[in-house]
């Protein structure tokens, strides 16, 4: 398992501004990712080095937003003011995680504006919605990984987290360092007293410098 991408929520009205702001900060042009018809959401993608990417996602005025876990999670985060939703962990065998957690993964698909389809399975969104520090899991079903689109200039260098590393380690059933590999993580154990758990900021290295995005 490894860190696949980080997900940031914006409102439908503000997503263009958020995409332009983050894109200018990391020197990368976002690509229109298209609509998630099953979830009632849409996203834009910024490819990163190390086969990772940033997703900026917003809820749509669609019934699926209210009844699917991912749509509900995005809508909930939007209602809280938006920002970093989660970090997603890719796996080559999501069946093992299904067995360990005792729940089934959800099949998902989105069609990019050029007509190309991306298919994947995801698992754990309900846990993420209840506790933002917990990542959810994804297994890609074809070779169209979003990090292969566009030009890459930055890589994830650090994640600042409010939470409990032991709880996440138990959730992953793996050492966190094995999942993050070259990405550092820092912990604020007291932040939950004033802020909800989860990602507070992500830092990116670009050229010889760093950019921190809250």
C-alpha atoms as a PDB file:
ATOM      1  CA  UNK A   1       0.000   0.000   0.000  1.00  0.00           C
ATOM      2  CA  UNK A   2       1.123   3.560  -0.666  1.00  0.00           C
ATOM      3  CA  UNK A   3      -0.147   7.129  -0.600  1.00  0.00           C
ATOM      4  CA  UNK A   4      -2.136   7.628  -3.805  1.00  0.00           C
ATOM      5  CA  UNK A   5      -3.495  11.179  -3.536  1.00  0.00           C
ATOM      6  CA  UNK A   6      -4.840  13.885  -1.275  1.00  0.00           C
ATOM      7  CA  UNK A   7      -8.380  15.237  -1.627  1.00  0.00           C
ATOM      8  CA  UNK A   8      -9.497  18.840  -1.110  1.00  0.00           C
ATOM      9  CA  UNK A   9     -13.133  19.960  -1.026  1.00  0.00           C
ATOM     10  CA  UNK A  10     -14.487  23.200  -2.479  1.00  0.00           C
ATOM     11  CA  UNK A  11     -18.006  24.405  -3.117  1.00  0.00           C
ATOM     12  CA  UNK A  12     -19.420  24.224  -6.632  1.00  0.00           C
ATOM     13  CA  UNK A  13     -19.280  28.024  -6.871  1.00  0.00           C
ATOM     14  CA  UNK A  14     -15.687  28.265  -5.646  1.00  0.00           C
ATOM     15  CA  UNK A  15     -14.006  25.249  -7.223  1.00  0.00           C
ATOM     16  CA  UNK A  16     -12.563  27.223 -10.158  1.00  0.00           C
ATOM     17  CA  UNK A  17     -10.975  29.750  -7.796  1.00  0.00           C
ATOM     18  CA  UNK A  18      -9.561  26.986  -5.584  1.00  0.00           C
ATOM     19  CA  UNK A  19      -8.142  25.103  -8.569  1.00  0.00           C
ATOM     20  CA  UNK A  20      -6.485  28.274  -9.904  1.00  0.00           C
ATOM     21  CA  UNK A  21      -5.074  29.182  -6.475  1.00  0.00           C
ATOM     22  CA  UNK A  22      -3.573  25.784  -5.706  1.00  0.00           C
ATOM     23  CA  UNK A  23      -2.390  25.306  -9.285  1.00  0.00           C
ATOM     24  CA  UNK A  24      -0.495  28.605  -9.239  1.00  0.00           C
ATOM     25  CA  UNK A  25       1.082  27.729  -5.878  1.00  0.00           C
ATOM     26  CA  UNK A  26       2.463  24.380  -7.078  1.00  0.00           C
ATOM     27  CA  UNK A  27       3.199  25.452 -10.638  1.00  0.00           C
ATOM     28  CA  UNK A  28       0.842  22.873 -12.120  1.00  0.00           C
ATOM     29  CA  UNK A  29      -2.221  23.185 -14.322  1.00  0.00           C
ATOM     30  CA  UNK A  30      -5.242  21.268 -13.064  1.00  0.00           C
ATOM     31  CA  UNK A  31      -7.076  19.005 -15.491  1.00  0.00           C
ATOM     32  CA  UNK A  32     -10.839  18.644 -15.616  1.00  0.00           C
ATOM     33  CA  UNK A  33     -11.441  15.185 -14.175  1.00  0.00           C
ATOM     34  CA  UNK A  34     -15.118  15.049 -15.017  1.00  0.00           C
ATOM     35  CA  UNK A  35     -18.145  13.894 -13.048  1.00  0.00           C
ATOM     36  CA  UNK A  36     -18.585  11.004 -10.604  1.00  0.00           C
ATOM     37  CA  UNK A  37     -22.153  10.071 -11.586  1.00  0.00           C
ATOM     38  CA  UNK A  38     -22.452   7.479  -8.832  1.00  0.00           C
ATOM     39  CA  UNK A  39     -21.493   9.959  -6.098  1.00  0.00           C
ATOM     40  CA  UNK A  40     -22.939  13.244  -7.362  1.00  0.00           C
ATOM     41  CA  UNK A  41     -19.545  14.982  -7.342  1.00  0.00           C
ATOM     42  CA  UNK A  42     -17.031  16.322  -9.843  1.00  0.00           C
ATOM     43  CA  UNK A  43     -13.314  16.950  -9.619  1.00  0.00           C
ATOM     44  CA  UNK A  44     -10.203  18.535 -11.041  1.00  0.00           C
ATOM     45  CA  UNK A  45      -6.815  16.809 -10.913  1.00  0.00           C
ATOM     46  CA  UNK A  46      -3.251  18.111 -10.538  1.00  0.00           C
ATOM     47  CA  UNK A  47      -0.685  15.394 -11.351  1.00  0.00           C
ATOM     48  CA  UNK A  48       2.306  15.169  -9.035  1.00  0.00           C
ATOM     49  CA  UNK A  49       5.637  13.386  -9.066  1.00  0.00           C
ATOM     50  CA  UNK A  50       5.914   9.942  -7.429  1.00  0.00           C
ATOM     51  CA  UNK A  51       2.716   8.768  -9.178  1.00  0.00           C
ATOM     52  CA  UNK A  52       0.525  10.854  -6.871  1.00  0.00           C
ATOM     53  CA  UNK A  53      -1.925  13.714  -7.408  1.00  0.00           C
ATOM     54  CA  UNK A  54      -4.178  16.310  -5.828  1.00  0.00           C
ATOM     55  CA  UNK A  55      -7.919  16.071  -6.258  1.00  0.00           C
ATOM     56  CA  UNK A  56     -10.115  19.135  -5.790  1.00  0.00           C
ATOM     57  CA  UNK A  57     -13.702  17.917  -5.578  1.00  0.00           C
ATOM     58  CA  UNK A  58     -17.087  19.563  -5.118  1.00  0.00           C
ATOM     59  CA  UNK A  59     -20.636  18.301  -4.549  1.00  0.00           C
ATOM     60  CA  UNK A  60     -23.204  18.730  -7.286  1.00  0.00           C
ATOM     61  CA  UNK A  61     -26.928  19.323  -7.103  1.00  0.00           C
ATOM     62  CA  UNK A  62     -27.633  15.630  -7.569  1.00  0.00           C
ATOM     63  CA  UNK A  63     -29.556  13.006  -5.556  1.00  0.00           C
ATOM     64  CA  UNK A  64     -26.472  10.773  -5.302  1.00  0.00           C
ATOM     65  CA  UNK A  65     -24.729  13.430  -3.221  1.00  0.00           C
ATOM     66  CA  UNK A  66     -27.210  12.834  -0.429  1.00  0.00           C
ATOM     67  CA  UNK A  67     -27.286   9.018  -0.431  1.00  0.00           C
ATOM     68  CA  UNK A  68     -23.740   7.762  -1.164  1.00  0.00           C
ATOM     69  CA  UNK A  69     -20.957   7.847   1.442  1.00  0.00           C
ATOM     70  CA  UNK A  70     -18.502   9.758  -0.757  1.00  0.00           C
ATOM     71  CA  UNK A  71     -21.135  12.282  -1.839  1.00  0.00           C
ATOM     72  CA  UNK A  72     -22.154  12.725   1.791  1.00  0.00           C
ATOM     73  CA  UNK A  73     -18.529  13.149   2.902  1.00  0.00           C
ATOM     74  CA  UNK A  74     -17.864  15.825   0.272  1.00  0.00           C
ATOM     75  CA  UNK A  75     -21.103  17.638   1.106  1.00  0.00           C
ATOM     76  CA  UNK A  76     -20.347  17.474   4.845  1.00  0.00           C
ATOM     77  CA  UNK A  77     -16.885  18.954   4.304  1.00  0.00           C
ATOM     78  CA  UNK A  78     -18.324  21.675   2.078  1.00  0.00           C
ATOM     79  CA  UNK A  79     -20.809  22.590   4.824  1.00  0.00           C
ATOM     80  CA  UNK A  80     -17.884  22.861   7.252  1.00  0.00           C
ATOM     81  CA  UNK A  81     -16.172  25.385   4.983  1.00  0.00           C
ATOM     82  CA  UNK A  82     -14.204  23.057   2.714  1.00  0.00           C
ATOM     83  CA  UNK A  83     -10.506  22.224   2.838  1.00  0.00           C
ATOM     84  CA  UNK A  84      -8.564  18.989   3.057  1.00  0.00           C
ATOM     85  CA  UNK A  85     -10.923  16.022   3.158  1.00  0.00           C
ATOM     86  CA  UNK A  86      -8.642  13.006   3.291  1.00  0.00           C
ATOM     87  CA  UNK A  87      -5.598  11.116   2.129  1.00  0.00           C
ATOM     88  CA  UNK A  88      -6.170   8.010   0.014  1.00  0.00           C
ATOM     89  CA  UNK A  89      -4.130   4.844   0.134  1.00  0.00           C
ATOM     90  CA  UNK A  90      -3.821   2.658  -2.953  1.00  0.00           C
ATOM     91  CA  UNK A  91      -3.638  -1.115  -2.721  1.00  0.00           C
ATOM     92  CA  UNK A  92      -3.093  -3.924  -5.189  1.00  0.00           C
ATOM     93  CA  UNK A  93      -5.583  -6.201  -3.422  1.00  0.00           C
ATOM     94  CA  UNK A  94      -8.547  -4.481  -1.816  1.00  0.00           C
ATOM     95  CA  UNK A  95     -10.066  -7.914  -1.106  1.00  0.00           C
ATOM     96  CA  UNK A  96      -7.643  -8.279   1.808  1.00  0.00           C
ATOM     97  CA  UNK A  97      -8.881  -5.021   3.297  1.00  0.00           C
ATOM     98  CA  UNK A  98     -12.493  -6.075   2.730  1.00  0.00           C
ATOM     99  CA  UNK A  99     -11.825  -9.244   4.715  1.00  0.00           C
ATOM    100  CA  UNK A 100     -10.028  -7.422   7.517  1.00  0.00           C
ATOM    101  CA  UNK A 101     -12.630  -4.676   7.920  1.00  0.00           C
ATOM    102  CA  UNK A 102     -15.647  -6.872   7.228  1.00  0.00           C
ATOM    103  CA  UNK A 103     -17.160  -4.621   4.576  1.00  0.00           C
ATOM    104  CA  UNK A 104     -17.315  -4.473   0.788  1.00  0.00           C
ATOM    105  CA  UNK A 105     -15.613  -1.996  -1.510  1.00  0.00           C
ATOM    106  CA  UNK A 106     -17.694   0.193  -3.814  1.00  0.00           C
ATOM    107  CA  UNK A 107     -17.191   0.146  -7.590  1.00  0.00           C
ATOM    108  CA  UNK A 108     -16.694   3.612  -9.041  1.00  0.00           C
ATOM    109  CA  UNK A 109     -16.230   5.158 -12.461  1.00  0.00           C
ATOM    110  CA  UNK A 110     -15.798   8.582 -13.968  1.00  0.00           C
ATOM    111  CA  UNK A 111     -15.507   9.650 -17.557  1.00  0.00           C
ATOM    112  CA  UNK A 112     -12.994  12.339 -18.399  1.00  0.00           C
ATOM    113  CA  UNK A 113     -14.008  15.079 -20.860  1.00  0.00           C
ATOM    114  CA  UNK A 114     -12.040  13.286 -23.598  1.00  0.00           C
ATOM    115  CA  UNK A 115     -14.234  10.207 -23.109  1.00  0.00           C
ATOM    116  CA  UNK A 116     -11.637   8.084 -21.317  1.00  0.00           C
ATOM    117  CA  UNK A 117     -13.045   6.091 -18.404  1.00  0.00           C
ATOM    118  CA  UNK A 118     -11.337   5.568 -15.078  1.00  0.00           C
ATOM    119  CA  UNK A 119     -12.519   2.675 -12.931  1.00  0.00           C
ATOM    120  CA  UNK A 120     -11.637   1.880  -9.349  1.00  0.00           C
ATOM    121  CA  UNK A 121     -12.864   0.361  -6.095  1.00  0.00           C
ATOM    122  CA  UNK A 122     -12.901   2.328  -2.847  1.00  0.00           C
ATOM    123  CA  UNK A 123     -13.463   1.386   0.755  1.00  0.00           C
ATOM    124  CA  UNK A 124     -13.579   3.173   4.106  1.00  0.00           C
ATOM    125  CA  UNK A 125     -15.267   6.478   3.272  1.00  0.00           C
ATOM    126  CA  UNK A 126     -17.789   6.133   6.105  1.00  0.00           C
ATOM    127  CA  UNK A 127     -14.930   5.848   8.611  1.00  0.00           C
ATOM    128  CA  UNK A 128     -13.240   8.889   7.080  1.00  0.00           C
ATOM    129  CA  UNK A 129     -16.461  10.889   7.333  1.00  0.00           C
ATOM    130  CA  UNK A 130     -16.661  10.069  11.037  1.00  0.00           C
ATOM    131  CA  UNK A 131     -12.970  10.781  11.703  1.00  0.00           C
ATOM    132  CA  UNK A 132     -11.079  12.750   9.055  1.00  0.00           C
ATOM    133  CA  UNK A 133      -7.660  11.490  10.165  1.00  0.00           C
ATOM    134  CA  UNK A 134      -8.502   8.011   8.828  1.00  0.00           C
ATOM    135  CA  UNK A 135      -7.637   7.568   5.144  1.00  0.00           C
ATOM    136  CA  UNK A 136      -9.742   5.468   2.857  1.00  0.00           C
ATOM    137  CA  UNK A 137      -8.545   2.866   0.405  1.00  0.00           C
ATOM    138  CA  UNK A 138      -8.569   2.682  -3.382  1.00  0.00           C
ATOM    139  CA  UNK A 139      -7.661   0.088  -5.994  1.00  0.00           C
ATOM    140  CA  UNK A 140      -7.428   1.198  -9.618  1.00  0.00           C
ATOM    141  CA  UNK A 141      -9.040  -1.142 -12.118  1.00  0.00           C
ATOM    142  CA  UNK A 142      -7.293   0.010 -15.292  1.00  0.00           C
ATOM    143  CA  UNK A 143      -4.084   1.751 -16.282  1.00  0.00           C
ATOM    144  CA  UNK A 144      -5.521   5.268 -16.483  1.00  0.00           C
ATOM    145  CA  UNK A 145      -4.080   6.627 -13.248  1.00  0.00           C
ATOM    146  CA  UNK A 146      -4.732  10.381 -12.880  1.00  0.00           C
ATOM    147  CA  UNK A 147      -1.055  11.125 -12.208  1.00  0.00           C
ATOM    148  CA  UNK A 148      -0.258  10.287 -15.834  1.00  0.00           C
ATOM    149  CA  UNK A 149      -2.225  13.278 -17.173  1.00  0.00           C
ATOM    150  CA  UNK A 150      -0.641  16.683 -17.673  1.00  0.00           C
ATOM    151  CA  UNK A 151       2.754  18.058 -16.664  1.00  0.00           C
ATOM    152  CA  UNK A 152       4.148  17.451 -13.177  1.00  0.00           C
ATOM    153  CA  UNK A 153       6.243  19.933 -11.254  1.00  0.00           C
ATOM    154  CA  UNK A 154       5.740  19.218  -7.541  1.00  0.00           C
ATOM    155  CA  UNK A 155       5.669  16.332  -5.113  1.00  0.00           C
ATOM    156  CA  UNK A 156       4.093  15.862  -1.691  1.00  0.00           C
ATOM    157  CA  UNK A 157       6.774  16.360   0.943  1.00  0.00           C
ATOM    158  CA  UNK A 158       4.870  16.601   4.245  1.00  0.00           C
ATOM    159  CA  UNK A 159       1.423  16.124   5.744  1.00  0.00           C
ATOM    160  CA  UNK A 160       0.467  17.940   8.964  1.00  0.00           C
ATOM    161  CA  UNK A 161      -2.117  15.896  10.831  1.00  0.00           C
ATOM    162  CA  UNK A 162      -4.276  16.373  13.891  1.00  0.00           C
ATOM    163  CA  UNK A 163      -4.825  12.877  15.193  1.00  0.00           C
ATOM    164  CA  UNK A 164      -3.436   9.742  16.745  1.00  0.00           C
ATOM    165  CA  UNK A 165      -0.811   7.772  14.828  1.00  0.00           C
ATOM    166  CA  UNK A 166      -1.572   4.581  16.758  1.00  0.00           C
ATOM    167  CA  UNK A 167      -5.207   4.717  15.665  1.00  0.00           C
ATOM    168  CA  UNK A 168      -4.176   5.198  12.031  1.00  0.00           C
ATOM    169  CA  UNK A 169      -1.576   2.434  12.278  1.00  0.00           C
ATOM    170  CA  UNK A 170      -4.286   0.061  13.516  1.00  0.00           C
ATOM    171  CA  UNK A 171      -6.615   1.193  10.701  1.00  0.00           C
ATOM    172  CA  UNK A 172      -3.924   0.593   8.078  1.00  0.00           C
ATOM    173  CA  UNK A 173      -2.625  -2.588   9.739  1.00  0.00           C
ATOM    174  CA  UNK A 174       0.786  -1.308   8.678  1.00  0.00           C
ATOM    175  CA  UNK A 175       3.471   1.113   9.779  1.00  0.00           C
ATOM    176  CA  UNK A 176       2.550   4.587   8.542  1.00  0.00           C
ATOM    177  CA  UNK A 177       6.085   5.167   7.250  1.00  0.00           C
ATOM    178  CA  UNK A 178       5.705   2.194   4.890  1.00  0.00           C
ATOM    179  CA  UNK A 179       2.624   3.788   3.347  1.00  0.00           C
ATOM    180  CA  UNK A 180       3.990   7.330   3.090  1.00  0.00           C
ATOM    181  CA  UNK A 181       7.484   6.298   1.965  1.00  0.00           C
ATOM    182  CA  UNK A 182       9.201   9.616   1.059  1.00  0.00           C
ATOM    183  CA  UNK A 183       6.468  11.814   2.592  1.00  0.00           C
ATOM    184  CA  UNK A 184       6.992  13.132   6.142  1.00  0.00           C
ATOM    185  CA  UNK A 185       4.107  13.415   8.595  1.00  0.00           C
ATOM    186  CA  UNK A 186       3.840  15.564  11.723  1.00  0.00           C
ATOM    187  CA  UNK A 187       1.278  15.179  14.503  1.00  0.00           C
ATOM    188  CA  UNK A 188      -0.672  17.610  16.622  1.00  0.00           C
ATOM    189  CA  UNK A 189      -2.126  15.562  19.474  1.00  0.00           C
ATOM    190  CA  UNK A 190      -3.723  18.522  21.202  1.00  0.00           C
ATOM    191  CA  UNK A 191      -5.330  20.111  18.166  1.00  0.00           C
ATOM    192  CA  UNK A 192      -8.517  18.096  18.508  1.00  0.00           C
ATOM    193  CA  UNK A 193      -9.429  20.265  21.470  1.00  0.00           C
ATOM    194  CA  UNK A 194     -10.003  23.194  19.124  1.00  0.00           C
ATOM    195  CA  UNK A 195     -10.064  21.669  15.621  1.00  0.00           C
ATOM    196  CA  UNK A 196     -11.420  18.431  14.163  1.00  0.00           C
ATOM    197  CA  UNK A 197      -9.012  15.610  13.426  1.00  0.00           C
ATOM    198  CA  UNK A 198      -7.570  15.283   9.961  1.00  0.00           C
ATOM    199  CA  UNK A 199      -5.170  16.966   7.572  1.00  0.00           C
ATOM    200  CA  UNK A 200      -4.408  20.546   8.534  1.00  0.00           C
ATOM    201  CA  UNK A 201      -1.895  21.291   5.781  1.00  0.00           C
ATOM    202  CA  UNK A 202       0.062  19.617   2.994  1.00  0.00           C
ATOM    203  CA  UNK A 203       3.503  20.805   1.899  1.00  0.00           C
ATOM    204  CA  UNK A 204       4.837  20.332  -1.608  1.00  0.00           C
ATOM    205  CA  UNK A 205       8.399  20.555  -2.872  1.00  0.00           C
ATOM    206  CA  UNK A 206       8.811  22.329  -6.195  1.00  0.00           C
ATOM    207  CA  UNK A 207      12.183  23.154  -7.649  1.00  0.00           C
ATOM    208  CA  UNK A 208      14.342  24.162  -4.709  1.00  0.00           C
ATOM    209  CA  UNK A 209      11.486  25.434  -2.561  1.00  0.00           C
ATOM    210  CA  UNK A 210       8.410  24.394  -0.633  1.00  0.00           C
ATOM    211  CA  UNK A 211       4.764  25.425  -0.679  1.00  0.00           C
ATOM    212  CA  UNK A 212       2.437  24.831   2.295  1.00  0.00           C
ATOM    213  CA  UNK A 213      -1.307  24.663   1.585  1.00  0.00           C
ATOM    214  CA  UNK A 214      -3.868  24.652   4.371  1.00  0.00           C
END
